Structures are given as structure tokens and as C-alpha cells.
């Protein structure tokens, strides 16, 4: 692939956003970064990746956190900043890649070849997907969806001025429930290729 492409995929829980990001990474032959980012960081810092993953995309606990002289004692905040720095380093090196979440539509938007997408979905379709994937009851799926989206929103809105899921922050927002996962990927591929030619 000639032109550099950085693809940011935000998503509602249950919308299939992660699966869509994986499919786009395959179609454009790009590395995908999600919570595996922490494995790369753990390797660099010589710490346990599983320890870091517990704090991945988690909102900072303001009750038990303090910042003194620019240093925070919040593990969540430190993990988030390590990921932001790692992504910016990849972009500075001229790499092409796909990243899922992690405030990437904000922290990477100044780089050439950047395209940001937000995947949403109809609540009933998302609920069915969550019930099937996680083998949950309807009530459990509803609870999980609400909790996960609250965590993502709280995390994002703490680090970014722009609000999570607000369509004005993304190049394209799309409801995956309308076309289904595969056809949504097809449409996004067409959009991305058109942008790369422009």
C-alpha cells in the first residue's frame, strides 16, 4: 500500500465495532492495535501485560487519585497515557495501522492519512449480539452494555474535550445494524479507498 493510513475505530459495545476493525485491518493489510497495545508497552517497560490490561480503557477513579507536580498516582491514567504516547510514536514513525478506541480519533487526528470512524447500532440488535457472544440473559446483556458504554464514555470524556460518540468528532459514523457487519465493512472499505485517492 503506497499511501499512509491511520484508521481509528470508535464503537458502542455490541455494535460489532471490533470485528469491523479487524476486517478492515485484514483488507488493508495493517496492524491492529487494541488491548494488545499493552503487550507491546509491557515488553518495552518490562512489566506484566496482564496487570496493565486490568486498567485498559477504564475511567480514572477520582476519589483515590492525586496528581502532584504533573505525576498521577492513578494506574488507569498512567496506562492511558502510555497508550497515547505509544500510538503517537507509531504515527511519528510514519506507520500505517488500525486502532480501536483509546481516544485515537482525538490524539491522532493531526497526522497525515488519518480517518476516524464510529460504529453504533440499534439497541435490540446489539443486545442480541451480546447475548449470543457472551451467553447472557437479556437482562445481563442490557446491564453489560450499559456498564461497558458508561466506562468507554467516562474514559473518553476524561481525556478528550470532544464527547464520546458525538458524530462531529468522526469522519464517518455508521449504524452497523442497518447493513450487518459484512456489508458495513464493504461500505467502509469503499469510503476509505475513496479518501485515500482524494
N, C-alpha and C. Protein backbone atom coordinates (compact mmCIF):
# COMPACT_ATOMS: atom_id res chain seq x y z
N UNK A 1 0.85 -1.18 0.00
CA UNK A 1 0.00 0.00 0.00
C UNK A 1 0.89 1.23 0.00
N UNK A 2 0.64 2.16 -0.93
CA UNK A 2 1.50 3.32 -1.07
C UNK A 2 1.29 4.38 -0.01
N UNK A 3 0.07 4.90 0.07
CA UNK A 3 -0.20 6.00 1.00
C UNK A 3 -0.31 5.51 2.43
N UNK A 4 0.10 6.38 3.35
CA UNK A 4 -0.04 6.06 4.77
C UNK A 4 -1.52 6.14 5.17
N UNK A 5 -1.95 5.18 6.01
CA UNK A 5 -3.32 5.14 6.50
C UNK A 5 -3.31 4.86 8.00
N UNK A 6 -3.91 5.75 8.76
CA UNK A 6 -4.15 5.51 10.19
C UNK A 6 -5.66 5.51 10.34
N UNK A 7 -6.19 4.39 10.76
CA UNK A 7 -7.64 4.22 10.87
C UNK A 7 -8.03 4.08 12.33
N UNK A 8 -8.86 5.00 12.81
CA UNK A 8 -9.35 4.99 14.18
C UNK A 8 -10.79 4.50 14.19
N UNK A 9 -11.08 3.48 15.00
CA UNK A 9 -12.43 2.92 15.06
C UNK A 9 -12.95 3.02 16.50
N UNK A 10 -13.89 3.93 16.72
CA UNK A 10 -14.61 4.01 17.99
C UNK A 10 -15.85 3.13 17.88
N UNK A 11 -16.40 2.71 19.01
CA UNK A 11 -17.54 1.79 18.90
C UNK A 11 -18.36 1.75 20.18
N UNK A 12 -19.67 1.52 19.97
CA UNK A 12 -20.55 1.19 21.08
C UNK A 12 -20.39 -0.30 21.36
N UNK A 13 -20.57 -0.70 22.61
CA UNK A 13 -20.45 -2.10 22.97
C UNK A 13 -21.59 -2.89 22.32
N UNK A 14 -21.22 -3.97 21.63
CA UNK A 14 -22.22 -4.81 20.97
C UNK A 14 -22.49 -4.44 19.53
N UNK A 15 -21.87 -3.35 19.05
CA UNK A 15 -22.11 -2.89 17.69
C UNK A 15 -21.32 -3.68 16.65
N UNK A 16 -20.37 -4.50 17.11
CA UNK A 16 -19.51 -5.22 16.17
C UNK A 16 -18.32 -4.38 15.72
N UNK A 17 -18.08 -3.27 16.39
CA UNK A 17 -17.00 -2.36 16.01
C UNK A 17 -15.64 -3.00 15.99
N UNK A 18 -15.37 -3.89 16.94
CA UNK A 18 -14.07 -4.54 16.99
C UNK A 18 -13.89 -5.50 15.82
N UNK A 19 -14.93 -6.26 15.51
CA UNK A 19 -14.90 -7.20 14.38
C UNK A 19 -14.72 -6.43 13.07
N UNK A 20 -15.38 -5.28 12.97
CA UNK A 20 -15.26 -4.43 11.78
C UNK A 20 -13.83 -3.91 11.66
N UNK A 21 -13.24 -3.49 12.78
CA UNK A 21 -11.85 -3.01 12.77
C UNK A 21 -10.91 -4.12 12.33
N UNK A 22 -11.13 -5.34 12.82
CA UNK A 22 -10.29 -6.48 12.42
C UNK A 22 -10.40 -6.75 10.92
N UNK A 23 -11.62 -6.68 10.40
CA UNK A 23 -11.84 -6.93 8.98
C UNK A 23 -11.16 -5.86 8.13
N UNK A 24 -11.24 -4.61 8.55
CA UNK A 24 -10.59 -3.52 7.81
C UNK A 24 -9.07 -3.66 7.86
N UNK A 25 -8.56 -4.08 9.01
CA UNK A 25 -7.10 -4.30 9.12
C UNK A 25 -6.66 -5.38 8.14
N UNK A 26 -7.46 -6.45 8.01
CA UNK A 26 -7.12 -7.52 7.05
C UNK A 26 -7.18 -7.00 5.61
N UNK A 27 -8.24 -6.27 5.29
CA UNK A 27 -8.42 -5.80 3.91
C UNK A 27 -7.33 -4.83 3.47
N UNK A 28 -6.86 -4.02 4.41
CA UNK A 28 -5.81 -3.05 4.07
C UNK A 28 -4.41 -3.53 4.48
N UNK A 29 -4.36 -4.76 5.00
CA UNK A 29 -3.08 -5.38 5.41
C UNK A 29 -2.33 -4.50 6.41
N UNK A 30 -3.04 -4.13 7.48
CA UNK A 30 -2.48 -3.25 8.51
C UNK A 30 -2.44 -3.95 9.86
N UNK A 31 -1.51 -3.52 10.70
CA UNK A 31 -1.51 -3.98 12.09
C UNK A 31 -2.70 -3.38 12.82
N UNK A 32 -3.28 -4.17 13.73
CA UNK A 32 -4.41 -3.72 14.54
C UNK A 32 -3.94 -3.55 15.98
N UNK A 33 -4.27 -2.41 16.56
CA UNK A 33 -3.95 -2.17 17.97
C UNK A 33 -5.24 -1.98 18.75
N UNK A 34 -5.38 -2.80 19.79
CA UNK A 34 -6.48 -2.66 20.74
C UNK A 34 -5.86 -2.88 22.11
N UNK A 35 -6.34 -3.84 22.91
CA UNK A 35 -5.66 -4.06 24.20
C UNK A 35 -4.31 -4.75 24.03
N UNK A 36 -3.99 -5.21 22.81
CA UNK A 36 -2.66 -5.76 22.57
C UNK A 36 -1.58 -4.67 22.63
N UNK A 37 -2.01 -3.42 22.56
CA UNK A 37 -1.08 -2.29 22.75
C UNK A 37 -0.32 -2.45 24.05
N UNK A 38 -1.03 -2.95 25.06
CA UNK A 38 -0.42 -3.07 26.38
C UNK A 38 0.65 -4.16 26.42
N UNK A 39 0.51 -5.15 25.55
CA UNK A 39 1.56 -6.17 25.46
C UNK A 39 2.85 -5.56 24.91
N UNK A 40 2.71 -4.69 23.89
CA UNK A 40 3.88 -4.00 23.33
C UNK A 40 4.52 -3.08 24.38
N UNK A 41 3.67 -2.36 25.10
CA UNK A 41 4.17 -1.44 26.12
C UNK A 41 4.83 -2.21 27.26
N UNK A 42 4.18 -3.31 27.68
CA UNK A 42 4.72 -4.13 28.78
C UNK A 42 6.09 -4.67 28.40
N UNK A 43 6.24 -5.07 27.14
CA UNK A 43 7.53 -5.58 26.66
C UNK A 43 8.60 -4.49 26.74
N UNK A 44 8.23 -3.29 26.31
CA UNK A 44 9.18 -2.16 26.35
C UNK A 44 9.57 -1.79 27.78
N UNK A 45 8.55 -1.82 28.68
CA UNK A 45 8.78 -1.36 30.07
C UNK A 45 9.18 -2.51 30.99
N UNK A 46 9.15 -3.73 30.45
CA UNK A 46 9.50 -4.91 31.23
C UNK A 46 8.58 -5.12 32.44
N UNK A 47 7.25 -5.00 32.19
CA UNK A 47 6.25 -5.27 33.23
C UNK A 47 5.24 -6.28 32.68
N UNK A 48 4.38 -6.80 33.54
CA UNK A 48 3.39 -7.80 33.11
C UNK A 48 2.24 -7.19 32.34
N UNK A 49 2.00 -7.68 31.12
CA UNK A 49 0.93 -7.17 30.29
C UNK A 49 -0.45 -7.41 30.87
N UNK A 50 -0.66 -8.56 31.53
CA UNK A 50 -1.97 -8.87 32.10
C UNK A 50 -2.32 -7.89 33.22
N UNK A 51 -1.31 -7.45 33.96
CA UNK A 51 -1.53 -6.46 35.03
C UNK A 51 -2.06 -5.17 34.43
N UNK A 52 -1.44 -4.72 33.34
CA UNK A 52 -1.85 -3.47 32.70
C UNK A 52 -3.25 -3.59 32.10
N UNK A 53 -3.60 -4.75 31.55
CA UNK A 53 -4.89 -4.92 30.87
C UNK A 53 -6.08 -4.70 31.80
N UNK A 54 -5.88 -4.93 33.09
CA UNK A 54 -6.97 -4.70 34.04
C UNK A 54 -7.42 -3.24 34.06
N UNK A 55 -6.52 -2.34 33.64
CA UNK A 55 -6.80 -0.91 33.71
C UNK A 55 -7.03 -0.30 32.33
N UNK A 56 -7.14 -1.16 31.31
CA UNK A 56 -7.28 -0.70 29.94
C UNK A 56 -8.64 -0.06 29.70
N UNK A 57 -8.65 1.13 29.11
CA UNK A 57 -9.87 1.89 28.79
C UNK A 57 -10.81 1.96 30.00
N UNK A 58 -10.25 2.18 31.16
CA UNK A 58 -11.04 2.34 32.37
C UNK A 58 -10.99 3.80 32.80
N UNK A 59 -12.11 4.32 33.27
CA UNK A 59 -12.09 5.71 33.75
C UNK A 59 -11.24 5.82 35.01
N UNK A 60 -10.61 6.96 35.17
CA UNK A 60 -9.81 7.23 36.35
C UNK A 60 -10.71 7.29 37.57
N UNK A 61 -10.28 6.68 38.68
CA UNK A 61 -11.02 6.77 39.93
C UNK A 61 -10.61 8.08 40.62
N UNK A 62 -11.45 9.10 40.49
CA UNK A 62 -11.10 10.43 41.00
C UNK A 62 -11.02 10.47 42.52
N UNK A 63 -11.77 9.59 43.18
CA UNK A 63 -11.80 9.59 44.63
C UNK A 63 -10.45 9.20 45.23
N UNK A 64 -9.75 8.27 44.56
CA UNK A 64 -8.49 7.76 45.11
C UNK A 64 -7.27 8.21 44.32
N UNK A 65 -7.44 9.24 43.48
CA UNK A 65 -6.34 9.68 42.62
C UNK A 65 -5.86 11.08 43.00
N UNK A 66 -4.56 11.26 42.86
CA UNK A 66 -3.96 12.57 43.08
C UNK A 66 -2.91 12.82 42.01
N UNK A 67 -2.76 14.08 41.64
CA UNK A 67 -1.68 14.46 40.74
C UNK A 67 -0.82 15.49 41.45
N UNK A 68 0.46 15.18 41.57
CA UNK A 68 1.40 16.08 42.24
C UNK A 68 2.55 16.37 41.28
N UNK A 69 2.77 17.64 41.02
CA UNK A 69 3.82 18.09 40.10
C UNK A 69 3.77 17.36 38.75
N UNK A 70 2.55 17.18 38.24
CA UNK A 70 2.39 16.56 36.92
C UNK A 70 2.41 15.05 36.93
N UNK A 71 2.62 14.42 38.09
CA UNK A 71 2.66 12.96 38.17
C UNK A 71 1.40 12.46 38.88
N UNK A 72 0.73 11.50 38.25
CA UNK A 72 -0.51 10.96 38.80
C UNK A 72 -0.24 9.63 39.49
N UNK A 73 -0.97 9.38 40.58
CA UNK A 73 -0.87 8.06 41.22
C UNK A 73 -1.96 7.11 40.70
N UNK A 74 -2.73 7.57 39.68
CA UNK A 74 -3.79 6.74 39.11
C UNK A 74 -3.20 5.77 38.09
N UNK A 75 -3.36 4.47 38.35
CA UNK A 75 -2.86 3.47 37.41
C UNK A 75 -3.60 3.61 36.07
N UNK A 76 -4.94 3.85 36.15
CA UNK A 76 -5.73 3.99 34.93
C UNK A 76 -5.18 5.13 34.06
N UNK A 77 -4.87 6.26 34.68
CA UNK A 77 -4.38 7.42 33.94
C UNK A 77 -2.99 7.15 33.35
N UNK A 78 -2.14 6.51 34.11
CA UNK A 78 -0.79 6.20 33.62
C UNK A 78 -0.83 5.21 32.46
N UNK A 79 -1.72 4.19 32.55
CA UNK A 79 -1.86 3.22 31.46
C UNK A 79 -2.39 3.92 30.21
N UNK A 80 -3.38 4.80 30.38
CA UNK A 80 -3.93 5.53 29.24
C UNK A 80 -2.85 6.38 28.56
N UNK A 81 -2.08 7.10 29.35
CA UNK A 81 -1.05 7.97 28.78
C UNK A 81 0.06 7.17 28.09
N UNK A 82 0.38 5.99 28.63
CA UNK A 82 1.36 5.13 27.96
C UNK A 82 0.86 4.72 26.57
N UNK A 83 -0.44 4.40 26.48
CA UNK A 83 -1.01 4.02 25.19
C UNK A 83 -1.03 5.19 24.21
N UNK A 84 -1.41 6.37 24.71
CA UNK A 84 -1.44 7.55 23.84
C UNK A 84 -0.03 7.83 23.30
N UNK A 85 0.96 7.75 24.16
CA UNK A 85 2.35 8.01 23.74
C UNK A 85 2.82 6.97 22.71
N UNK A 86 2.44 5.71 22.93
CA UNK A 86 2.84 4.64 22.02
C UNK A 86 2.23 4.86 20.63
N UNK A 87 0.94 5.21 20.59
CA UNK A 87 0.26 5.45 19.32
C UNK A 87 0.87 6.65 18.60
N UNK A 88 1.16 7.71 19.34
CA UNK A 88 1.76 8.90 18.72
C UNK A 88 3.15 8.58 18.18
N UNK A 89 3.87 7.70 18.88
CA UNK A 89 5.20 7.29 18.42
C UNK A 89 5.09 6.53 17.09
N UNK A 90 4.11 5.62 16.98
CA UNK A 90 3.88 4.90 15.73
C UNK A 90 3.58 5.88 14.59
N UNK A 91 2.71 6.86 14.90
CA UNK A 91 2.34 7.84 13.88
C UNK A 91 3.53 8.71 13.48
N UNK A 92 4.34 9.10 14.46
CA UNK A 92 5.53 9.92 14.17
C UNK A 92 6.52 9.15 13.29
N UNK A 93 6.54 7.82 13.45
CA UNK A 93 7.45 6.99 12.65
C UNK A 93 6.92 6.75 11.23
N UNK A 94 5.71 7.28 10.95
CA UNK A 94 5.15 7.14 9.60
C UNK A 94 4.44 5.83 9.36
N UNK A 95 4.11 5.10 10.44
CA UNK A 95 3.47 3.78 10.29
C UNK A 95 1.99 3.93 9.88
N UNK A 96 1.49 2.90 9.22
CA UNK A 96 0.06 2.74 8.93
C UNK A 96 -0.48 1.67 9.87
N UNK A 97 -1.67 1.89 10.41
CA UNK A 97 -2.24 0.92 11.35
C UNK A 97 -3.71 1.24 11.61
N UNK A 98 -4.39 0.29 12.25
CA UNK A 98 -5.77 0.46 12.72
C UNK A 98 -5.73 0.44 14.24
N UNK A 99 -6.46 1.35 14.87
CA UNK A 99 -6.54 1.34 16.33
C UNK A 99 -8.00 1.40 16.75
N UNK A 100 -8.34 0.58 17.74
CA UNK A 100 -9.71 0.52 18.26
C UNK A 100 -9.77 1.35 19.54
N UNK A 101 -10.64 2.37 19.55
CA UNK A 101 -10.85 3.18 20.74
C UNK A 101 -9.62 3.95 21.18
N UNK A 102 -9.41 4.00 22.49
CA UNK A 102 -8.24 4.64 23.10
C UNK A 102 -8.07 6.10 22.71
N UNK A 103 -9.21 6.81 22.58
CA UNK A 103 -9.22 8.25 22.26
C UNK A 103 -8.47 8.57 20.98
N UNK A 104 -8.30 7.58 20.12
CA UNK A 104 -7.45 7.75 18.94
C UNK A 104 -7.99 8.78 17.96
N UNK A 105 -9.32 8.97 17.93
CA UNK A 105 -9.86 9.95 16.98
C UNK A 105 -9.45 11.37 17.37
N UNK A 106 -9.02 11.55 18.62
CA UNK A 106 -8.56 12.86 19.09
C UNK A 106 -7.05 12.96 19.07
N UNK A 107 -6.37 11.95 19.63
CA UNK A 107 -4.90 12.09 19.79
C UNK A 107 -4.12 11.91 18.49
N UNK A 108 -4.75 11.31 17.47
CA UNK A 108 -4.03 11.07 16.22
C UNK A 108 -4.52 11.92 15.05
N UNK A 109 -5.50 12.78 15.27
CA UNK A 109 -6.14 13.46 14.14
C UNK A 109 -5.24 14.41 13.37
N UNK A 110 -4.12 14.82 13.94
CA UNK A 110 -3.24 15.76 13.22
C UNK A 110 -2.33 15.07 12.20
N UNK A 111 -2.32 13.74 12.18
CA UNK A 111 -1.38 13.02 11.31
C UNK A 111 -1.96 12.78 9.91
N UNK A 112 -1.07 12.80 8.92
CA UNK A 112 -1.47 12.54 7.54
C UNK A 112 -2.06 11.13 7.42
N UNK A 113 -3.04 10.99 6.54
CA UNK A 113 -3.62 9.67 6.26
C UNK A 113 -4.57 9.19 7.34
N UNK A 114 -5.02 10.10 8.20
CA UNK A 114 -5.87 9.72 9.34
C UNK A 114 -7.35 9.73 8.94
N UNK A 115 -8.06 8.66 9.29
CA UNK A 115 -9.51 8.57 9.08
C UNK A 115 -10.14 8.01 10.36
N UNK A 116 -11.19 8.68 10.84
CA UNK A 116 -11.85 8.20 12.07
C UNK A 116 -13.29 7.80 11.78
N UNK A 117 -13.65 6.67 12.39
CA UNK A 117 -14.98 6.07 12.18
C UNK A 117 -15.56 5.75 13.55
N UNK A 118 -16.88 5.91 13.69
CA UNK A 118 -17.57 5.48 14.91
C UNK A 118 -18.67 4.51 14.51
N UNK A 119 -18.67 3.33 15.15
CA UNK A 119 -19.66 2.28 14.86
C UNK A 119 -20.69 2.27 16.00
N UNK A 120 -21.95 2.46 15.63
CA UNK A 120 -23.03 2.37 16.60
C UNK A 120 -24.00 1.30 16.13
N UNK A 121 -25.07 1.09 16.87
CA UNK A 121 -26.03 0.06 16.47
C UNK A 121 -27.35 0.22 17.20
N UNK A 122 -28.39 -0.43 16.68
CA UNK A 122 -29.69 -0.43 17.35
C UNK A 122 -29.59 -1.26 18.62
N UNK A 123 -30.22 -0.78 19.67
CA UNK A 123 -30.08 -1.43 20.98
C UNK A 123 -30.50 -2.90 20.95
N UNK A 124 -31.61 -3.20 20.30
CA UNK A 124 -32.08 -4.59 20.29
C UNK A 124 -31.12 -5.51 19.52
N UNK A 125 -30.53 -5.00 18.44
CA UNK A 125 -29.57 -5.80 17.67
C UNK A 125 -28.29 -6.01 18.48
N UNK A 126 -27.83 -4.96 19.15
CA UNK A 126 -26.63 -5.07 20.00
C UNK A 126 -26.88 -6.05 21.14
N UNK A 127 -28.07 -5.95 21.74
CA UNK A 127 -28.40 -6.84 22.86
C UNK A 127 -28.37 -8.31 22.42
N UNK A 128 -28.97 -8.60 21.27
CA UNK A 128 -28.97 -9.97 20.74
C UNK A 128 -27.54 -10.47 20.52
N UNK A 129 -26.71 -9.60 19.98
CA UNK A 129 -25.31 -9.96 19.72
C UNK A 129 -24.57 -10.27 21.01
N UNK A 130 -24.76 -9.42 22.02
CA UNK A 130 -24.10 -9.61 23.32
C UNK A 130 -24.60 -10.88 23.99
N UNK A 131 -25.91 -11.13 23.91
CA UNK A 131 -26.47 -12.35 24.50
C UNK A 131 -25.85 -13.58 23.86
N UNK A 132 -25.70 -13.56 22.53
CA UNK A 132 -25.15 -14.70 21.80
C UNK A 132 -23.66 -14.89 22.09
N UNK A 133 -22.90 -13.80 22.02
CA UNK A 133 -21.44 -13.90 22.17
C UNK A 133 -21.01 -14.26 23.59
N UNK A 134 -21.73 -13.72 24.57
CA UNK A 134 -21.32 -13.92 25.97
C UNK A 134 -22.22 -14.89 26.72
N UNK A 135 -23.20 -15.47 25.99
CA UNK A 135 -24.15 -16.43 26.59
C UNK A 135 -24.82 -15.85 27.83
N UNK A 136 -25.45 -14.69 27.64
CA UNK A 136 -26.09 -13.98 28.74
C UNK A 136 -27.60 -13.93 28.54
N UNK A 137 -28.30 -13.71 29.63
CA UNK A 137 -29.74 -13.45 29.55
C UNK A 137 -29.94 -12.04 29.01
N UNK A 138 -31.17 -11.73 28.64
CA UNK A 138 -31.48 -10.38 28.13
C UNK A 138 -31.12 -9.32 29.17
N UNK A 139 -31.47 -9.57 30.41
CA UNK A 139 -31.19 -8.61 31.49
C UNK A 139 -29.69 -8.44 31.71
N UNK A 140 -28.96 -9.55 31.71
CA UNK A 140 -27.50 -9.48 31.89
C UNK A 140 -26.83 -8.73 30.74
N UNK A 141 -27.32 -8.98 29.52
CA UNK A 141 -26.76 -8.30 28.34
C UNK A 141 -27.00 -6.80 28.42
N UNK A 142 -28.20 -6.41 28.83
CA UNK A 142 -28.53 -4.99 28.99
C UNK A 142 -27.59 -4.33 29.99
N UNK A 143 -27.41 -5.02 31.11
CA UNK A 143 -26.54 -4.50 32.16
C UNK A 143 -25.10 -4.35 31.66
N UNK A 144 -24.62 -5.36 30.95
CA UNK A 144 -23.24 -5.33 30.44
C UNK A 144 -23.06 -4.20 29.42
N UNK A 145 -24.04 -4.03 28.53
CA UNK A 145 -23.97 -2.97 27.53
C UNK A 145 -23.93 -1.59 28.19
N UNK A 146 -24.79 -1.39 29.16
CA UNK A 146 -24.85 -0.10 29.86
C UNK A 146 -23.54 0.18 30.57
N UNK A 147 -23.00 -0.84 31.26
CA UNK A 147 -21.76 -0.65 32.03
C UNK A 147 -20.57 -0.38 31.11
N UNK A 148 -20.45 -1.19 30.04
CA UNK A 148 -19.31 -1.03 29.13
C UNK A 148 -19.33 0.33 28.44
N UNK A 149 -20.51 0.75 27.97
CA UNK A 149 -20.59 2.05 27.29
C UNK A 149 -20.34 3.19 28.28
N UNK A 150 -20.80 3.03 29.52
CA UNK A 150 -20.52 4.06 30.53
C UNK A 150 -19.00 4.17 30.77
N UNK A 151 -18.33 3.02 30.86
CA UNK A 151 -16.87 3.02 31.07
C UNK A 151 -16.16 3.71 29.90
N UNK A 152 -16.56 3.36 28.68
CA UNK A 152 -15.92 3.96 27.49
C UNK A 152 -16.17 5.47 27.44
N UNK A 153 -17.39 5.85 27.71
CA UNK A 153 -17.75 7.27 27.68
C UNK A 153 -16.99 8.04 28.76
N UNK A 154 -16.96 7.51 29.97
CA UNK A 154 -16.27 8.17 31.09
C UNK A 154 -14.78 8.29 30.81
N UNK A 155 -14.19 7.22 30.30
CA UNK A 155 -12.76 7.20 29.95
C UNK A 155 -12.47 8.26 28.90
N UNK A 156 -13.24 8.20 27.81
CA UNK A 156 -13.01 9.12 26.70
C UNK A 156 -13.20 10.58 27.13
N UNK A 157 -14.30 10.86 27.81
CA UNK A 157 -14.63 12.24 28.15
C UNK A 157 -13.70 12.83 29.20
N UNK A 158 -12.98 11.97 29.91
CA UNK A 158 -11.98 12.47 30.86
C UNK A 158 -10.75 13.01 30.12
N UNK A 159 -10.34 12.29 29.07
CA UNK A 159 -9.10 12.64 28.36
C UNK A 159 -9.32 13.57 27.16
N UNK A 160 -10.54 13.67 26.68
CA UNK A 160 -10.81 14.44 25.45
C UNK A 160 -11.84 15.53 25.70
N UNK A 161 -11.63 16.65 25.05
CA UNK A 161 -12.59 17.75 25.14
C UNK A 161 -13.88 17.37 24.40
N UNK A 162 -13.73 16.71 23.25
CA UNK A 162 -14.87 16.29 22.46
C UNK A 162 -15.55 15.09 23.13
N UNK A 163 -16.85 14.99 22.98
CA UNK A 163 -17.61 13.94 23.66
C UNK A 163 -17.61 12.63 22.86
N UNK A 164 -17.55 11.53 23.60
CA UNK A 164 -17.56 10.19 23.00
C UNK A 164 -18.84 9.97 22.20
N UNK A 165 -18.70 9.47 20.98
CA UNK A 165 -19.86 9.14 20.16
C UNK A 165 -20.49 10.31 19.42
N UNK A 166 -20.04 11.55 19.70
CA UNK A 166 -20.59 12.71 19.00
C UNK A 166 -20.12 12.67 17.54
N UNK A 167 -21.06 12.58 16.61
CA UNK A 167 -20.71 12.38 15.19
C UNK A 167 -19.80 13.46 14.64
N UNK A 168 -19.79 14.65 15.23
CA UNK A 168 -18.93 15.74 14.74
C UNK A 168 -17.44 15.45 14.96
N UNK A 169 -17.12 14.49 15.80
CA UNK A 169 -15.72 14.16 16.09
C UNK A 169 -15.14 13.12 15.14
N UNK A 170 -15.96 12.57 14.26
CA UNK A 170 -15.54 11.46 13.42
C UNK A 170 -15.75 11.82 11.95
N UNK A 171 -14.95 11.23 11.08
CA UNK A 171 -15.16 11.43 9.65
C UNK A 171 -16.46 10.75 9.21
N UNK A 172 -16.77 9.64 9.85
CA UNK A 172 -17.96 8.89 9.47
C UNK A 172 -18.49 8.13 10.68
N UNK A 173 -19.79 8.25 10.94
CA UNK A 173 -20.46 7.43 11.95
C UNK A 173 -21.46 6.55 11.20
N UNK A 174 -21.50 5.27 11.56
CA UNK A 174 -22.37 4.35 10.83
C UNK A 174 -23.04 3.36 11.77
N UNK A 175 -24.31 3.09 11.51
CA UNK A 175 -25.09 2.13 12.29
C UNK A 175 -24.93 0.76 11.63
N UNK A 176 -24.19 -0.12 12.28
CA UNK A 176 -23.90 -1.45 11.71
C UNK A 176 -25.13 -2.35 11.67
N UNK A 177 -26.19 -1.97 12.40
CA UNK A 177 -27.42 -2.78 12.40
C UNK A 177 -28.16 -2.68 11.08
N UNK A 178 -27.93 -1.61 10.33
CA UNK A 178 -28.67 -1.40 9.08
C UNK A 178 -28.24 -2.36 7.97
N UNK A 179 -26.94 -2.54 7.79
CA UNK A 179 -26.43 -3.37 6.71
C UNK A 179 -25.89 -4.71 7.19
N UNK A 180 -25.68 -4.85 8.48
CA UNK A 180 -25.00 -6.03 9.01
C UNK A 180 -23.49 -5.81 8.95
N UNK A 181 -22.75 -6.66 9.62
CA UNK A 181 -21.30 -6.46 9.77
C UNK A 181 -20.57 -6.49 8.43
N UNK A 182 -20.78 -7.52 7.62
CA UNK A 182 -20.02 -7.68 6.38
C UNK A 182 -20.25 -6.53 5.40
N UNK A 183 -21.51 -6.14 5.22
CA UNK A 183 -21.79 -5.07 4.26
C UNK A 183 -21.36 -3.71 4.81
N UNK A 184 -21.35 -3.57 6.13
CA UNK A 184 -20.81 -2.34 6.73
C UNK A 184 -19.32 -2.23 6.43
N UNK A 185 -18.61 -3.36 6.54
CA UNK A 185 -17.18 -3.39 6.21
C UNK A 185 -16.97 -3.02 4.74
N UNK A 186 -17.81 -3.57 3.86
CA UNK A 186 -17.71 -3.26 2.43
C UNK A 186 -17.86 -1.76 2.19
N UNK A 187 -18.88 -1.18 2.82
CA UNK A 187 -19.13 0.25 2.63
C UNK A 187 -17.96 1.09 3.15
N UNK A 188 -17.45 0.70 4.32
CA UNK A 188 -16.32 1.44 4.91
C UNK A 188 -15.07 1.31 4.05
N UNK A 189 -14.85 0.13 3.49
CA UNK A 189 -13.69 -0.04 2.61
C UNK A 189 -13.78 0.90 1.41
N UNK A 190 -14.97 1.00 0.83
CA UNK A 190 -15.19 1.90 -0.31
C UNK A 190 -14.90 3.35 0.09
N UNK A 191 -15.41 3.74 1.26
CA UNK A 191 -15.20 5.11 1.76
C UNK A 191 -13.70 5.38 1.98
N UNK A 192 -13.03 4.46 2.62
CA UNK A 192 -11.60 4.64 2.94
C UNK A 192 -10.78 4.73 1.66
N UNK A 193 -11.07 3.85 0.69
CA UNK A 193 -10.32 3.89 -0.58
C UNK A 193 -10.55 5.21 -1.31
N UNK A 194 -11.80 5.71 -1.26
CA UNK A 194 -12.11 7.00 -1.90
C UNK A 194 -11.33 8.13 -1.22
N UNK A 195 -11.24 8.07 0.11
CA UNK A 195 -10.49 9.09 0.85
C UNK A 195 -9.01 9.02 0.52
N UNK A 196 -8.48 7.81 0.37
CA UNK A 196 -7.06 7.65 0.07
C UNK A 196 -6.71 8.16 -1.32
N UNK A 197 -7.67 8.08 -2.24
CA UNK A 197 -7.43 8.57 -3.60
C UNK A 197 -7.52 10.09 -3.68
N UNK A 198 -8.27 10.70 -2.73
CA UNK A 198 -8.53 12.14 -2.77
C UNK A 198 -7.35 13.02 -2.49
